[in-house]
Amino acid sequence: MALIVEIGELANETRCFKYWSNKGPSPREVLLDEYADGMHFLLSLGIPLGVRTTRYEIIKSELPLTRQFHLLYRATVELVESYDLAHYTNAYQIFLNLIPSLGFSVEEVVCAYKAKLDVNYQRQNSNY
């Protein structure tokens, strides 16, 4: 459920589905932070499956961003319903493919992930 919520928070910050609004997406730092949150939850779901190393090819999708979020939601629900390596790999691949669609570099995502990891450790240590 946490992953689904985090995907929703990221989608909300992109505002990609808000066709009725002229307001643009949130600042890049906010989007990176939300992406990093999703990455943390998604990676944590791989631990019980024994995922240690993975190889993925990040592909820029030609689909509208809203459609990409639809596919990610579907893949995440399928992962919940069939919690196995194949469904995990599919969800993770779709999540990674958001990187170029959001205009991020892999390096930016890694930095955002590490920064959020530090925050999460501090939260754990202070009984957040």
C-alpha atoms as a PDB file:
ATOM      1  CA  MET A   1       0.000   0.000   0.000  1.00  0.00           C
ATOM      2  CA  ALA A   2       2.855   2.378   0.831  1.00  0.00           C
ATOM      3  CA  LEU A   3       4.261   1.990  -2.677  1.00  0.00           C
ATOM      4  CA  ILE A   4       0.887   2.735  -4.248  1.00  0.00           C
ATOM      5  CA  VAL A   5       0.562   5.857  -2.101  1.00  0.00           C
ATOM      6  CA  GLU A   6       4.073   7.000  -3.022  1.00  0.00           C
ATOM      7  CA  ILE A   7       3.384   6.498  -6.731  1.00  0.00           C
ATOM      8  CA  GLY A   8       0.259   8.615  -6.276  1.00  0.00           C
ATOM      9  CA  GLU A   9       2.229  11.331  -4.507  1.00  0.00           C
ATOM     10  CA  LEU A  10       4.734  11.415  -7.360  1.00  0.00           C
ATOM     11  CA  ALA A  11       1.960  11.528  -9.964  1.00  0.00           C
ATOM     12  CA  ASN A  12       0.252  14.300  -8.030  1.00  0.00           C
ATOM     13  CA  GLU A  13       3.443  16.381  -7.977  1.00  0.00           C
ATOM     14  CA  THR A  14       3.889  15.974 -11.748  1.00  0.00           C
ATOM     15  CA  ARG A  15       0.314  17.170 -12.269  1.00  0.00           C
ATOM     16  CA  CYS A  16       0.412  15.237 -15.559  1.00  0.00           C
ATOM     17  CA  PHE A  17      -3.204  14.142 -15.246  1.00  0.00           C
ATOM     18  CA  LYS A  18      -4.597  17.535 -14.216  1.00  0.00           C
ATOM     19  CA  TYR A  19      -5.789  18.546 -17.660  1.00  0.00           C
ATOM     20  CA  TRP A  20      -8.077  21.157 -16.114  1.00  0.00           C
ATOM     21  CA  SER A  21      -5.190  23.098 -14.578  1.00  0.00           C
ATOM     22  CA  ASN A  22      -2.632  25.438 -16.107  1.00  0.00           C
ATOM     23  CA  LYS A  23      -0.299  25.075 -13.134  1.00  0.00           C
ATOM     24  CA  GLY A  24       2.896  23.189 -13.966  1.00  0.00           C
ATOM     25  CA  PRO A  25       4.617  20.417 -12.058  1.00  0.00           C
ATOM     26  CA  SER A  26       6.239  20.879  -8.674  1.00  0.00           C
ATOM     27  CA  PRO A  27       9.908  21.861  -8.563  1.00  0.00           C
ATOM     28  CA  ARG A  28      12.418  19.279  -9.744  1.00  0.00           C
ATOM     29  CA  GLU A  29      13.719  18.689  -6.193  1.00  0.00           C
ATOM     30  CA  VAL A  30      10.219  17.788  -5.002  1.00  0.00           C
ATOM     31  CA  LEU A  31       9.765  15.346  -7.885  1.00  0.00           C
ATOM     32  CA  LEU A  32      13.151  13.750  -7.198  1.00  0.00           C
ATOM     33  CA  ASP A  33      12.308  13.399  -3.514  1.00  0.00           C
ATOM     34  CA  GLU A  34       8.980  11.728  -4.324  1.00  0.00           C
ATOM     35  CA  TYR A  35      10.675   9.437  -6.837  1.00  0.00           C
ATOM     36  CA  ALA A  36      13.257   8.483  -4.197  1.00  0.00           C
ATOM     37  CA  ASP A  37      10.440   7.660  -1.751  1.00  0.00           C
ATOM     38  CA  GLY A  38       8.916   5.313  -4.294  1.00  0.00           C
ATOM     39  CA  MET A  39      12.302   3.760  -4.988  1.00  0.00           C
ATOM     40  CA  HIS A  40      12.782   2.997  -1.286  1.00  0.00           C
ATOM     41  CA  PHE A  41       9.470   1.190  -1.004  1.00  0.00           C
ATOM     42  CA  LEU A  42       9.936  -0.681  -4.269  1.00  0.00           C
ATOM     43  CA  LEU A  43      13.444  -1.838  -3.378  1.00  0.00           C
ATOM     44  CA  SER A  44      12.241  -2.968   0.049  1.00  0.00           C
ATOM     45  CA  LEU A  45       9.709  -5.238  -1.672  1.00  0.00           C
ATOM     46  CA  GLY A  46      12.573  -6.963  -3.469  1.00  0.00           C
ATOM     47  CA  ILE A  47      14.345  -7.996  -0.262  1.00  0.00           C
ATOM     48  CA  PRO A  48      11.972 -10.854   0.715  1.00  0.00           C
ATOM     49  CA  LEU A  49      12.129 -12.065  -2.892  1.00  0.00           C
ATOM     50  CA  GLY A  50      15.889 -12.401  -2.610  1.00  0.00           C
ATOM     51  CA  VAL A  51      16.653  -9.687  -5.151  1.00  0.00           C
ATOM     52  CA  ARG A  52      20.320  -8.796  -4.726  1.00  0.00           C
ATOM     53  CA  THR A  53      21.453  -7.572  -8.127  1.00  0.00           C
ATOM     54  CA  THR A  54      19.426  -6.598 -11.114  1.00  0.00           C
ATOM     55  CA  ARG A  55      20.042  -5.527 -14.668  1.00  0.00           C
ATOM     56  CA  TYR A  56      17.572  -3.223 -16.300  1.00  0.00           C
ATOM     57  CA  GLU A  57      17.641  -1.080 -19.382  1.00  0.00           C
ATOM     58  CA  ILE A  58      16.059   2.306 -18.844  1.00  0.00           C
ATOM     59  CA  ILE A  59      13.946   3.086 -21.872  1.00  0.00           C
ATOM     60  CA  LYS A  60      12.248   6.399 -22.546  1.00  0.00           C
ATOM     61  CA  SER A  61       8.633   5.649 -23.202  1.00  0.00           C
ATOM     62  CA  GLU A  62       6.729   7.416 -25.947  1.00  0.00           C
ATOM     63  CA  LEU A  63       3.545   7.056 -23.929  1.00  0.00           C
ATOM     64  CA  PRO A  64       2.074  10.069 -22.150  1.00  0.00           C
ATOM     65  CA  LEU A  65       3.200  10.295 -18.542  1.00  0.00           C
ATOM     66  CA  THR A  66      -0.330   9.718 -17.270  1.00  0.00           C
ATOM     67  CA  ARG A  67      -0.499   6.433 -19.184  1.00  0.00           C
ATOM     68  CA  GLN A  68       2.874   5.404 -17.755  1.00  0.00           C
ATOM     69  CA  PHE A  69       1.490   5.936 -14.256  1.00  0.00           C
ATOM     70  CA  HIS A  70      -1.543   3.802 -15.166  1.00  0.00           C
ATOM     71  CA  LEU A  71       0.780   0.984 -16.243  1.00  0.00           C
ATOM     72  CA  LEU A  72       2.835   1.348 -13.068  1.00  0.00           C
ATOM     73  CA  TYR A  73      -0.276   1.189 -10.899  1.00  0.00           C
ATOM     74  CA  ARG A  74      -1.404  -1.945 -12.718  1.00  0.00           C
ATOM     75  CA  ALA A  75       2.028  -3.560 -12.368  1.00  0.00           C
ATOM     76  CA  THR A  76       2.112  -2.680  -8.667  1.00  0.00           C
ATOM     77  CA  VAL A  77      -1.304  -4.220  -8.023  1.00  0.00           C
ATOM     78  CA  GLU A  78      -0.250  -7.309  -9.967  1.00  0.00           C
ATOM     79  CA  LEU A  79       2.871  -7.472  -7.790  1.00  0.00           C
ATOM     80  CA  VAL A  80       0.713  -7.353  -4.675  1.00  0.00           C
ATOM     81  CA  GLU A  81      -1.552 -10.095  -6.039  1.00  0.00           C
ATOM     82  CA  SER A  82       1.283 -12.301  -7.350  1.00  0.00           C
ATOM     83  CA  TYR A  83       4.260 -11.484  -5.194  1.00  0.00           C
ATOM     84  CA  ASP A  84       7.044 -13.072  -7.216  1.00  0.00           C
ATOM     85  CA  LEU A  85      10.211 -12.119  -9.046  1.00  0.00           C
ATOM     86  CA  ALA A  86       8.559 -11.786 -12.468  1.00  0.00           C
ATOM     87  CA  HIS A  87       5.968  -9.296 -11.223  1.00  0.00           C
ATOM     88  CA  TYR A  88       8.567  -7.445  -9.178  1.00  0.00           C
ATOM     89  CA  THR A  89      10.837  -7.146 -12.212  1.00  0.00           C
ATOM     90  CA  ASN A  90       7.982  -5.797 -14.322  1.00  0.00           C
ATOM     91  CA  ALA A  91       6.976  -3.152 -11.765  1.00  0.00           C
ATOM     92  CA  TYR A  92      10.586  -2.133 -11.195  1.00  0.00           C
ATOM     93  CA  GLN A  93      11.226  -1.802 -14.938  1.00  0.00           C
ATOM     94  CA  ILE A  94       8.195   0.447 -15.417  1.00  0.00           C
ATOM     95  CA  PHE A  95       9.235   2.532 -12.413  1.00  0.00           C
ATOM     96  CA  LEU A  96      12.755   2.957 -13.802  1.00  0.00           C
ATOM     97  CA  ASN A  97      11.379   3.951 -17.182  1.00  0.00           C
ATOM     98  CA  LEU A  98       9.833   7.001 -15.535  1.00  0.00           C
ATOM     99  CA  ILE A  99      13.341   8.435 -15.066  1.00  0.00           C
ATOM    100  CA  PRO A 100      13.775   9.836 -18.595  1.00  0.00           C
ATOM    101  CA  SER A 101      10.085  10.695 -18.855  1.00  0.00           C
ATOM    102  CA  LEU A 102      10.466  12.887 -15.777  1.00  0.00           C
ATOM    103  CA  GLY A 103      13.597  14.454 -17.239  1.00  0.00           C
ATOM    104  CA  PHE A 104      15.942  12.996 -14.627  1.00  0.00           C
ATOM    105  CA  SER A 105      19.357  11.475 -15.096  1.00  0.00           C
ATOM    106  CA  VAL A 106      20.268   8.242 -13.356  1.00  0.00           C
ATOM    107  CA  GLU A 107      22.895  10.161 -11.393  1.00  0.00           C
ATOM    108  CA  GLU A 108      20.256  12.586 -10.082  1.00  0.00           C
ATOM    109  CA  VAL A 109      18.069   9.692  -8.983  1.00  0.00           C
ATOM    110  CA  VAL A 110      20.971   7.973  -7.212  1.00  0.00           C
ATOM    111  CA  CYS A 111      21.830  11.201  -5.365  1.00  0.00           C
ATOM    112  CA  ALA A 112      18.190  11.766  -4.390  1.00  0.00           C
ATOM    113  CA  TYR A 113      17.916   8.157  -3.227  1.00  0.00           C
ATOM    114  CA  LYS A 114      21.036   8.438  -1.058  1.00  0.00           C
ATOM    115  CA  ALA A 115      19.899  11.743   0.418  1.00  0.00           C
ATOM    116  CA  LYS A 116      16.525  10.253   1.286  1.00  0.00           C
ATOM    117  CA  LEU A 117      18.233   7.176   2.715  1.00  0.00           C
ATOM    118  CA  ASP A 118      20.080   9.427   5.167  1.00  0.00           C
ATOM    119  CA  VAL A 119      16.808  11.086   6.156  1.00  0.00           C
ATOM    120  CA  ASN A 120      15.127   7.701   6.609  1.00  0.00           C
ATOM    121  CA  TYR A 121      17.964   6.452   8.832  1.00  0.00           C
ATOM    122  CA  GLN A 122      17.676   9.585  10.965  1.00  0.00           C
ATOM    123  CA  ARG A 123      13.935   9.026  11.238  1.00  0.00           C
ATOM    124  CA  GLN A 124      14.433   5.404  12.299  1.00  0.00           C
ATOM    125  CA  ASN A 125      17.002   6.399  14.887  1.00  0.00           C
ATOM    126  CA  SER A 126      14.664   9.014  16.373  1.00  0.00           C
ATOM    127  CA  ASN A 127      11.618   6.692  16.540  1.00  0.00           C
ATOM    128  CA  TYR A 128       9.818   8.656  13.765  1.00  0.00           C
END
